[in-house]
Amino acid sequence: MTEETHGDMEIDTNVPLTETAKRKAPEPKPKTLHFTSRNPPWTYLKLKLVSQPGSAPQSLDPLSARTYLSSALSQFLGLTGTAIPIDILKIENVSSSATKYNIVWIRVPREDASALVNAVSSWIGSGNNSTASGDVAWRVCAKGNFLGALVAGSGADLFVP
């Protein structure tokens, strides 16, 4: 081992160079086979607007649906009920030769779903306030935390115009 002296400092010139570290090939992450969602953020509801027997049911539009839902929530929970956010996903106005009905698909926060179900199931409204329309009420057809399970399929028919 040779040593050189430069002033007060000694330098060892025969120090072996450090070996380059061999890199390991990164281990591939295993694919996820199962996914569990314990607390989904949304609850999806399928509601049917039912008219009084003998009255001519009106076509339902998004503004009327929002008004009826807000009326039910304010009647049941007061001002707190009107603060519940409701997303209207789809409105179906189906009229066949025998029956005519209006279906509304909505999404609400999971924590507020039970309050909304209680509010709409106990509400009876006054329709469009005309002489031809009678009382209307909501019927809860389906409720679930996942939209695909609610429509018994992929849910693709929900987004068809």
N, C-alpha and C. Protein backbone atom coordinates (compact mmCIF):
# COMPACT_ATOMS: atom_id res chain seq x y z
N MET A 1 0.85 -1.15 0.00
CA MET A 1 0.00 0.00 0.00
C MET A 1 0.91 1.23 0.00
N THR A 2 0.67 2.10 -0.96
CA THR A 2 1.49 3.30 -1.03
C THR A 2 0.70 4.47 -0.51
N GLU A 3 1.39 5.30 0.17
CA GLU A 3 0.74 6.47 0.74
C GLU A 3 1.50 7.71 0.31
N GLU A 4 0.80 8.70 -0.10
CA GLU A 4 1.41 9.97 -0.44
C GLU A 4 0.98 10.98 0.61
N THR A 5 1.87 11.88 0.92
CA THR A 5 1.56 12.88 1.92
C THR A 5 1.54 14.23 1.25
N HIS A 6 0.43 14.91 1.36
CA HIS A 6 0.27 16.26 0.84
C HIS A 6 -0.07 17.14 2.02
N GLY A 7 0.87 17.83 2.52
CA GLY A 7 0.63 18.70 3.66
C GLY A 7 0.28 17.86 4.87
N ASP A 8 -0.86 18.08 5.44
CA ASP A 8 -1.31 17.35 6.63
C ASP A 8 -2.18 16.16 6.27
N MET A 9 -2.40 15.93 5.00
CA MET A 9 -3.36 14.93 4.58
C MET A 9 -2.66 13.74 3.97
N GLU A 10 -3.07 12.56 4.35
CA GLU A 10 -2.55 11.35 3.75
C GLU A 10 -3.59 10.78 2.80
N ILE A 11 -3.15 10.38 1.62
CA ILE A 11 -4.05 9.83 0.62
C ILE A 11 -3.62 8.42 0.31
N ASP A 12 -4.53 7.50 0.40
CA ASP A 12 -4.26 6.10 0.07
C ASP A 12 -4.62 5.91 -1.39
N THR A 13 -3.66 5.60 -2.22
CA THR A 13 -3.91 5.49 -3.66
C THR A 13 -4.25 4.08 -4.11
N ASN A 14 -4.12 3.11 -3.27
CA ASN A 14 -4.41 1.73 -3.65
C ASN A 14 -5.76 1.25 -3.12
N VAL A 15 -6.72 2.12 -3.05
CA VAL A 15 -8.05 1.74 -2.58
C VAL A 15 -8.79 1.10 -3.74
N PRO A 16 -9.27 -0.10 -3.56
CA PRO A 16 -9.98 -0.73 -4.68
C PRO A 16 -11.30 0.01 -4.96
N LEU A 17 -11.62 0.11 -6.23
CA LEU A 17 -12.88 0.75 -6.61
C LEU A 17 -14.04 -0.12 -6.16
N THR A 18 -15.12 0.53 -5.77
CA THR A 18 -16.29 -0.24 -5.33
C THR A 18 -16.93 -0.90 -6.54
N GLU A 19 -17.39 -2.08 -6.31
CA GLU A 19 -18.04 -2.81 -7.40
C GLU A 19 -19.38 -2.17 -7.70
N THR A 20 -19.73 -2.17 -8.95
CA THR A 20 -21.04 -1.65 -9.30
C THR A 20 -22.10 -2.64 -8.84
N ALA A 21 -23.11 -2.10 -8.23
CA ALA A 21 -24.17 -2.96 -7.70
C ALA A 21 -24.99 -3.51 -8.85
N LYS A 22 -25.25 -4.78 -8.79
CA LYS A 22 -26.08 -5.40 -9.82
C LYS A 22 -27.53 -5.08 -9.52
N ARG A 23 -28.22 -4.68 -10.56
CA ARG A 23 -29.64 -4.37 -10.40
C ARG A 23 -30.45 -5.64 -10.55
N LYS A 24 -31.41 -5.73 -9.68
CA LYS A 24 -32.35 -6.84 -9.79
C LYS A 24 -33.46 -6.43 -10.74
N ALA A 25 -33.92 -7.35 -11.47
CA ALA A 25 -35.08 -7.07 -12.30
C ALA A 25 -36.27 -6.84 -11.37
N PRO A 26 -37.03 -5.77 -11.61
CA PRO A 26 -38.17 -5.52 -10.72
C PRO A 26 -39.18 -6.65 -10.81
N GLU A 27 -39.64 -7.03 -9.64
CA GLU A 27 -40.63 -8.09 -9.60
C GLU A 27 -41.97 -7.54 -10.07
N PRO A 28 -42.61 -8.22 -10.98
CA PRO A 28 -43.92 -7.71 -11.45
C PRO A 28 -44.95 -7.79 -10.32
N LYS A 29 -45.77 -6.74 -10.27
CA LYS A 29 -46.82 -6.73 -9.25
C LYS A 29 -47.90 -7.73 -9.66
N PRO A 30 -48.42 -8.45 -8.71
CA PRO A 30 -49.49 -9.39 -9.07
C PRO A 30 -50.74 -8.64 -9.48
N LYS A 31 -51.46 -9.22 -10.41
CA LYS A 31 -52.70 -8.60 -10.86
C LYS A 31 -53.76 -8.74 -9.78
N THR A 32 -54.58 -7.70 -9.67
CA THR A 32 -55.66 -7.73 -8.69
C THR A 32 -56.76 -8.65 -9.20
N LEU A 33 -57.08 -9.64 -8.42
CA LEU A 33 -58.12 -10.57 -8.81
C LEU A 33 -59.47 -10.21 -8.22
N HIS A 34 -59.45 -9.58 -7.05
CA HIS A 34 -60.68 -9.24 -6.36
C HIS A 34 -60.62 -7.79 -5.90
N PHE A 35 -61.76 -7.15 -5.94
CA PHE A 35 -61.85 -5.78 -5.46
C PHE A 35 -63.10 -5.69 -4.61
N THR A 36 -62.95 -5.20 -3.39
CA THR A 36 -64.08 -5.07 -2.49
C THR A 36 -64.26 -3.60 -2.13
N SER A 37 -65.44 -3.11 -2.36
CA SER A 37 -65.76 -1.74 -1.98
C SER A 37 -66.75 -1.81 -0.83
N ARG A 38 -66.29 -1.47 0.34
CA ARG A 38 -67.14 -1.63 1.52
C ARG A 38 -68.05 -0.42 1.74
N ASN A 39 -67.59 0.74 1.40
CA ASN A 39 -68.38 1.96 1.62
C ASN A 39 -68.47 2.76 0.33
N PRO A 40 -69.32 2.34 -0.58
CA PRO A 40 -69.45 3.13 -1.81
C PRO A 40 -70.03 4.50 -1.51
N PRO A 41 -69.59 5.52 -2.23
CA PRO A 41 -70.03 6.88 -1.89
C PRO A 41 -71.46 7.19 -2.31
N TRP A 42 -72.02 6.44 -3.24
CA TRP A 42 -73.34 6.77 -3.79
C TRP A 42 -74.32 5.63 -3.61
N THR A 43 -75.59 6.00 -3.56
CA THR A 43 -76.69 5.04 -3.62
C THR A 43 -77.55 5.43 -4.82
N TYR A 44 -77.93 4.43 -5.58
CA TYR A 44 -78.73 4.66 -6.79
C TYR A 44 -80.15 4.20 -6.53
N LEU A 45 -81.11 4.99 -7.02
CA LEU A 45 -82.52 4.68 -6.83
C LEU A 45 -83.26 4.75 -8.16
N LYS A 46 -84.18 3.84 -8.31
CA LYS A 46 -85.10 3.86 -9.46
C LYS A 46 -86.47 4.18 -8.88
N LEU A 47 -87.00 5.35 -9.25
CA LEU A 47 -88.28 5.81 -8.72
C LEU A 47 -89.30 5.87 -9.85
N LYS A 48 -90.53 5.55 -9.51
CA LYS A 48 -91.63 5.63 -10.47
C LYS A 48 -92.62 6.66 -9.96
N LEU A 49 -93.01 7.58 -10.82
CA LEU A 49 -94.00 8.59 -10.46
C LEU A 49 -95.37 8.01 -10.77
N VAL A 50 -96.19 7.85 -9.73
CA VAL A 50 -97.50 7.23 -9.86
C VAL A 50 -98.56 8.32 -9.78
N SER A 51 -99.47 8.33 -10.74
CA SER A 51 -100.57 9.30 -10.74
C SER A 51 -101.81 8.66 -10.12
N GLN A 52 -102.70 9.50 -9.66
CA GLN A 52 -103.95 9.03 -9.09
C GLN A 52 -104.76 8.32 -10.18
N PRO A 53 -105.42 7.20 -9.85
CA PRO A 53 -106.22 6.50 -10.86
C PRO A 53 -107.31 7.42 -11.41
N GLY A 54 -107.47 7.36 -12.70
CA GLY A 54 -108.48 8.18 -13.35
C GLY A 54 -107.95 9.49 -13.88
N SER A 55 -106.74 9.87 -13.49
CA SER A 55 -106.17 11.12 -14.00
C SER A 55 -105.20 10.80 -15.13
N ALA A 56 -105.03 11.74 -16.01
CA ALA A 56 -104.12 11.56 -17.13
C ALA A 56 -102.70 11.92 -16.67
N PRO A 57 -101.78 10.94 -16.67
CA PRO A 57 -100.42 11.25 -16.23
C PRO A 57 -99.71 12.15 -17.23
N GLN A 58 -98.99 13.11 -16.70
CA GLN A 58 -98.24 14.06 -17.52
C GLN A 58 -96.85 13.49 -17.81
N SER A 59 -96.24 14.00 -18.86
CA SER A 59 -94.85 13.66 -19.16
C SER A 59 -93.96 14.30 -18.11
N LEU A 60 -92.97 13.58 -17.65
CA LEU A 60 -92.09 14.08 -16.60
C LEU A 60 -90.82 14.63 -17.23
N ASP A 61 -90.43 15.83 -16.85
CA ASP A 61 -89.20 16.44 -17.31
C ASP A 61 -88.26 16.62 -16.11
N PRO A 62 -86.98 16.92 -16.34
CA PRO A 62 -86.04 17.04 -15.22
C PRO A 62 -86.43 18.11 -14.19
N LEU A 63 -86.99 19.21 -14.64
CA LEU A 63 -87.37 20.27 -13.70
C LEU A 63 -88.52 19.82 -12.80
N SER A 64 -89.52 19.15 -13.38
CA SER A 64 -90.64 18.65 -12.56
C SER A 64 -90.16 17.57 -11.59
N ALA A 65 -89.28 16.69 -12.06
CA ALA A 65 -88.76 15.64 -11.18
C ALA A 65 -88.01 16.25 -10.00
N ARG A 66 -87.16 17.23 -10.28
CA ARG A 66 -86.41 17.90 -9.21
C ARG A 66 -87.36 18.60 -8.25
N THR A 67 -88.42 19.22 -8.77
CA THR A 67 -89.39 19.91 -7.92
C THR A 67 -90.12 18.93 -7.02
N TYR A 68 -90.57 17.82 -7.58
CA TYR A 68 -91.28 16.81 -6.78
C TYR A 68 -90.37 16.22 -5.70
N LEU A 69 -89.11 15.93 -6.05
CA LEU A 69 -88.19 15.37 -5.07
C LEU A 69 -87.86 16.38 -3.97
N SER A 70 -87.65 17.63 -4.34
CA SER A 70 -87.38 18.67 -3.34
C SER A 70 -88.57 18.89 -2.43
N SER A 71 -89.77 18.82 -3.01
CA SER A 71 -90.98 18.98 -2.21
C SER A 71 -91.11 17.86 -1.19
N ALA A 72 -90.83 16.64 -1.61
CA ALA A 72 -90.90 15.50 -0.69
C ALA A 72 -89.87 15.64 0.43
N LEU A 73 -88.66 16.04 0.08
CA LEU A 73 -87.61 16.18 1.09
C LEU A 73 -87.89 17.33 2.06
N SER A 74 -88.41 18.44 1.55
CA SER A 74 -88.69 19.56 2.45
C SER A 74 -89.89 19.27 3.35
N GLN A 75 -90.85 18.50 2.85
CA GLN A 75 -92.00 18.14 3.69
C GLN A 75 -91.58 17.18 4.79
N PHE A 76 -90.66 16.28 4.50
CA PHE A 76 -90.25 15.26 5.46
C PHE A 76 -89.17 15.77 6.42
N LEU A 77 -88.18 16.52 5.90
CA LEU A 77 -87.04 16.93 6.70
C LEU A 77 -86.86 18.43 6.85
N GLY A 78 -87.74 19.20 6.25
CA GLY A 78 -87.62 20.65 6.34
C GLY A 78 -86.48 21.17 5.47
N LEU A 79 -85.86 22.24 5.92
CA LEU A 79 -84.79 22.87 5.16
C LEU A 79 -83.59 21.94 5.00
N THR A 80 -83.36 21.09 5.98
CA THR A 80 -82.25 20.14 5.90
C THR A 80 -82.44 19.18 4.73
N GLY A 81 -83.68 18.79 4.47
CA GLY A 81 -83.95 17.86 3.38
C GLY A 81 -83.66 18.44 2.01
N THR A 82 -83.87 19.74 1.85
CA THR A 82 -83.60 20.35 0.55
C THR A 82 -82.11 20.48 0.27
N ALA A 83 -81.28 20.31 1.29
CA ALA A 83 -79.83 20.39 1.10
C ALA A 83 -79.22 19.08 0.64
N ILE A 84 -80.00 18.01 0.58
CA ILE A 84 -79.48 16.73 0.12
C ILE A 84 -79.25 16.81 -1.38
N PRO A 85 -78.02 16.55 -1.84
CA PRO A 85 -77.75 16.62 -3.28
C PRO A 85 -78.34 15.42 -4.01
N ILE A 86 -79.03 15.69 -5.09
CA ILE A 86 -79.65 14.64 -5.91
C ILE A 86 -79.17 14.82 -7.34
N ASP A 87 -78.65 13.76 -7.92
CA ASP A 87 -78.27 13.78 -9.33
C ASP A 87 -79.30 12.97 -10.10
N ILE A 88 -79.97 13.60 -11.05
CA ILE A 88 -80.92 12.89 -11.90
C ILE A 88 -80.14 12.31 -13.06
N LEU A 89 -80.11 10.99 -13.14
CA LEU A 89 -79.33 10.32 -14.17
C LEU A 89 -80.11 10.11 -15.46
N LYS A 90 -81.37 9.73 -15.32
CA LYS A 90 -82.17 9.45 -16.51
C LYS A 90 -83.64 9.54 -16.16
N ILE A 91 -84.42 10.00 -17.13
CA ILE A 91 -85.87 10.03 -16.99
C ILE A 91 -86.45 9.27 -18.17
N GLU A 92 -87.29 8.29 -17.87
CA GLU A 92 -87.95 7.50 -18.91
C GLU A 92 -89.43 7.84 -18.90
N ASN A 93 -89.93 8.30 -20.02
CA ASN A 93 -91.36 8.52 -20.19
C ASN A 93 -91.86 7.42 -21.11
N VAL A 94 -92.44 6.38 -20.55
CA VAL A 94 -92.89 5.24 -21.33
C VAL A 94 -94.40 5.30 -21.46
N SER A 95 -94.86 5.26 -22.68
CA SER A 95 -96.31 5.22 -22.90
C SER A 95 -96.61 4.12 -23.90
N SER A 96 -97.29 3.12 -23.41
CA SER A 96 -97.76 2.05 -24.29
C SER A 96 -99.26 2.22 -24.47
N SER A 97 -99.87 1.30 -25.17
CA SER A 97 -101.31 1.44 -25.43
C SER A 97 -102.12 1.31 -24.15
N ALA A 98 -101.64 0.54 -23.19
CA ALA A 98 -102.41 0.31 -21.97
C ALA A 98 -102.00 1.24 -20.82
N THR A 99 -100.70 1.46 -20.68
CA THR A 99 -100.24 2.23 -19.53
C THR A 99 -99.26 3.31 -19.95
N LYS A 100 -99.13 4.29 -19.08
CA LYS A 100 -98.14 5.35 -19.24
C LYS A 100 -97.51 5.57 -17.88
N TYR A 101 -96.19 5.54 -17.83
CA TYR A 101 -95.53 5.76 -16.55
C TYR A 101 -94.22 6.51 -16.75
N ASN A 102 -93.77 7.11 -15.68
CA ASN A 102 -92.54 7.89 -15.67
C ASN A 102 -91.58 7.28 -14.67
N ILE A 103 -90.38 6.97 -15.13
CA ILE A 103 -89.34 6.38 -14.29
C ILE A 103 -88.19 7.38 -14.19
N VAL A 104 -87.66 7.55 -12.99
CA VAL A 104 -86.53 8.45 -12.76
C VAL A 104 -85.42 7.65 -12.09
N TRP A 105 -84.22 7.73 -12.64
CA TRP A 105 -83.03 7.14 -12.03
C TRP A 105 -82.27 8.28 -11.37
N ILE A 106 -81.99 8.15 -10.07
CA ILE A 106 -81.27 9.20 -9.36
C ILE A 106 -80.10 8.61 -8.59
N ARG A 107 -79.20 9.51 -8.20
CA ARG A 107 -78.04 9.14 -7.40
C ARG A 107 -77.96 10.11 -6.23
N VAL A 108 -77.81 9.58 -5.02
CA VAL A 108 -77.69 10.41 -3.82
C VAL A 108 -76.51 9.89 -2.99
N PRO A 109 -75.95 10.72 -2.12
CA PRO A 109 -74.91 10.21 -1.22
C PRO A 109 -75.45 9.08 -0.34
N ARG A 110 -74.60 8.10 -0.10
CA ARG A 110 -75.01 6.90 0.63
C ARG A 110 -75.60 7.23 2.00
N GLU A 111 -75.05 8.24 2.67
CA GLU A 111 -75.52 8.59 4.01
C GLU A 111 -76.93 9.15 4.00
N ASP A 112 -77.35 9.74 2.87
CA ASP A 112 -78.66 10.38 2.79
C ASP A 112 -79.73 9.50 2.14
N ALA A 113 -79.37 8.30 1.74
CA ALA A 113 -80.30 7.45 0.98
C ALA A 113 -81.52 7.06 1.80
N SER A 114 -81.33 6.69 3.05
CA SER A 114 -82.48 6.25 3.85
C SER A 114 -83.45 7.41 4.10
N ALA A 115 -82.92 8.61 4.30
CA ALA A 115 -83.80 9.77 4.48
C ALA A 115 -84.58 10.06 3.21
N LEU A 116 -83.94 9.93 2.06
CA LEU A 116 -84.63 10.18 0.80
C LEU A 116 -85.71 9.13 0.54
N VAL A 117 -85.41 7.87 0.82
CA VAL A 117 -86.41 6.81 0.62
C VAL A 117 -87.62 7.05 1.52
N ASN A 118 -87.38 7.41 2.77
CA ASN A 118 -88.50 7.70 3.67
C ASN A 118 -89.30 8.90 3.21
N ALA A 119 -88.62 9.91 2.71
CA ALA A 119 -89.31 11.13 2.27
C ALA A 119 -90.17 10.88 1.04
N VAL A 120 -89.61 10.22 0.03
CA VAL A 120 -90.38 10.05 -1.21
C VAL A 120 -91.47 8.99 -1.07
N SER A 121 -91.28 8.02 -0.20
CA SER A 121 -92.31 6.98 -0.07
C SER A 121 -93.52 7.46 0.73
N SER A 122 -93.37 8.53 1.49
CA SER A 122 -94.51 9.03 2.26
C SER A 122 -95.10 10.32 1.68
N TRP A 123 -94.62 10.75 0.53
CA TRP A 123 -95.03 12.03 -0.05
C TRP A 123 -96.15 11.84 -1.07
N ILE A 124 -97.12 12.73 -1.05
CA ILE A 124 -98.16 12.81 -2.07
C ILE A 124 -98.21 14.25 -2.52
N GLY A 125 -97.99 14.46 -3.82
CA GLY A 125 -97.94 15.81 -4.37
C GLY A 125 -99.18 16.12 -5.17
N SER A 126 -99.20 17.33 -5.70
CA SER A 126 -100.41 17.78 -6.40
C SER A 126 -100.22 17.89 -7.90
N GLY A 127 -99.30 17.18 -8.47
CA GLY A 127 -99.15 17.18 -9.92
C GLY A 127 -98.76 18.54 -10.45
N ASN A 128 -99.34 18.93 -11.58
CA ASN A 128 -99.01 20.20 -12.23
C ASN A 128 -99.99 21.31 -11.89
N ASN A 129 -100.79 21.14 -10.86
CA ASN A 129 -101.76 22.14 -10.41
C ASN A 129 -102.79 22.52 -11.48
N SER A 130 -103.05 21.62 -12.39
CA SER A 130 -104.10 21.88 -13.38
C SER A 130 -105.26 20.95 -13.08
N THR A 131 -106.40 21.21 -13.69
CA THR A 131 -107.58 20.40 -13.39
C THR A 131 -107.46 18.99 -13.95
N ALA A 132 -106.63 18.80 -14.98
CA ALA A 132 -106.51 17.48 -15.59
C ALA A 132 -105.58 16.56 -14.81
N SER A 133 -104.67 17.13 -14.02
CA SER A 133 -103.72 16.28 -13.31
C SER A 133 -104.15 16.12 -11.86
N GLY A 134 -104.04 14.90 -11.38
CA GLY A 134 -104.42 14.63 -10.00
C GLY A 134 -103.20 14.52 -9.13
N ASP A 135 -103.38 13.90 -8.00
CA ASP A 135 -102.28 13.73 -7.07
C ASP A 135 -101.27 12.73 -7.64
N VAL A 136 -100.02 12.97 -7.29
CA VAL A 136 -98.94 12.08 -7.71
C VAL A 136 -98.15 11.65 -6.48
N ALA A 137 -97.48 10.52 -6.60
CA ALA A 137 -96.65 10.01 -5.52
C ALA A 137 -95.48 9.25 -6.14
N TRP A 138 -94.43 9.09 -5.35
CA TRP A 138 -93.26 8.33 -5.80
C TRP A 138 -93.37 6.90 -5.29
N ARG A 139 -92.96 5.96 -6.11
CA ARG A 139 -92.83 4.56 -5.69
C ARG A 139 -91.37 4.17 -5.89
N VAL A 140 -90.74 3.63 -4.86
CA VAL A 140 -89.35 3.20 -4.96
C VAL A 140 -89.35 1.81 -5.60
N CYS A 141 -88.83 1.72 -6.81
CA CYS A 141 -88.79 0.45 -7.53
C CYS A 141 -87.54 -0.35 -7.20
N ALA A 142 -86.41 0.33 -7.03
CA ALA A 142 -85.16 -0.36 -6.73
C ALA A 142 -84.20 0.61 -6.04
N LYS A 143 -83.33 0.03 -5.21
CA LYS A 143 -82.33 0.81 -4.48
C LYS A 143 -81.09 -0.04 -4.35
N GLY A 144 -79.93 0.54 -4.62
CA GLY A 144 -78.69 -0.22 -4.48
C GLY A 144 -77.49 0.69 -4.49
N ASN A 145 -76.36 0.13 -4.04
CA ASN A 145 -75.13 0.90 -3.98
C ASN A 145 -74.34 0.85 -5.28
N PHE A 146 -74.73 -0.03 -6.19
CA PHE A 146 -74.03 -0.15 -7.46
C PHE A 146 -75.05 -0.13 -8.58
N LEU A 147 -74.83 0.72 -9.54
CA LEU A 147 -75.79 0.91 -10.62
C LEU A 147 -75.92 -0.34 -11.48
N GLY A 148 -74.83 -1.02 -11.74
CA GLY A 148 -74.87 -2.23 -12.56
C GLY A 148 -75.74 -3.31 -11.96
N ALA A 149 -75.68 -3.45 -10.66
CA ALA A 149 -76.51 -4.45 -9.99
C ALA A 149 -77.98 -4.05 -9.99
N LEU A 150 -78.23 -2.76 -10.00
CA LEU A 150 -79.60 -2.26 -9.95
C LEU A 150 -80.35 -2.48 -11.25
N VAL A 151 -79.66 -2.34 -12.36
CA VAL A 151 -80.33 -2.51 -13.65
C VAL A 151 -80.23 -3.94 -14.16
N ALA A 152 -79.65 -4.83 -13.35
CA ALA A 152 -79.52 -6.25 -13.68
C ALA A 152 -78.79 -6.44 -14.99
N GLY A 153 -77.68 -5.80 -15.10
CA GLY A 153 -76.87 -5.92 -16.31
C GLY A 153 -75.69 -4.98 -16.24
N SER A 154 -75.28 -4.52 -17.39
CA SER A 154 -74.10 -3.66 -17.45
C SER A 154 -74.41 -2.22 -17.12
N GLY A 155 -75.67 -1.83 -17.19
CA GLY A 155 -76.04 -0.44 -16.95
C GLY A 155 -75.93 0.42 -18.18
N ALA A 156 -75.59 -0.19 -19.31
CA ALA A 156 -75.42 0.58 -20.55
C ALA A 156 -76.72 1.20 -21.02
N ASP A 157 -77.85 0.55 -20.74
CA ASP A 157 -79.13 1.10 -21.21
C ASP A 157 -79.51 2.37 -20.47
N LEU A 158 -78.85 2.65 -19.36
CA LEU A 158 -79.14 3.87 -18.61
C LEU A 158 -78.70 5.11 -19.37
N PHE A 159 -77.64 4.98 -20.17
CA PHE A 159 -77.07 6.14 -20.84
C PHE A 159 -77.49 6.25 -22.30
N VAL A 160 -78.49 5.50 -22.70
CA VAL A 160 -79.02 5.62 -24.05
C VAL A 160 -80.03 6.77 -24.06
N PRO A 161 -79.88 7.73 -24.98
CA PRO A 161 -80.81 8.87 -24.98
C PRO A 161 -82.23 8.48 -25.34
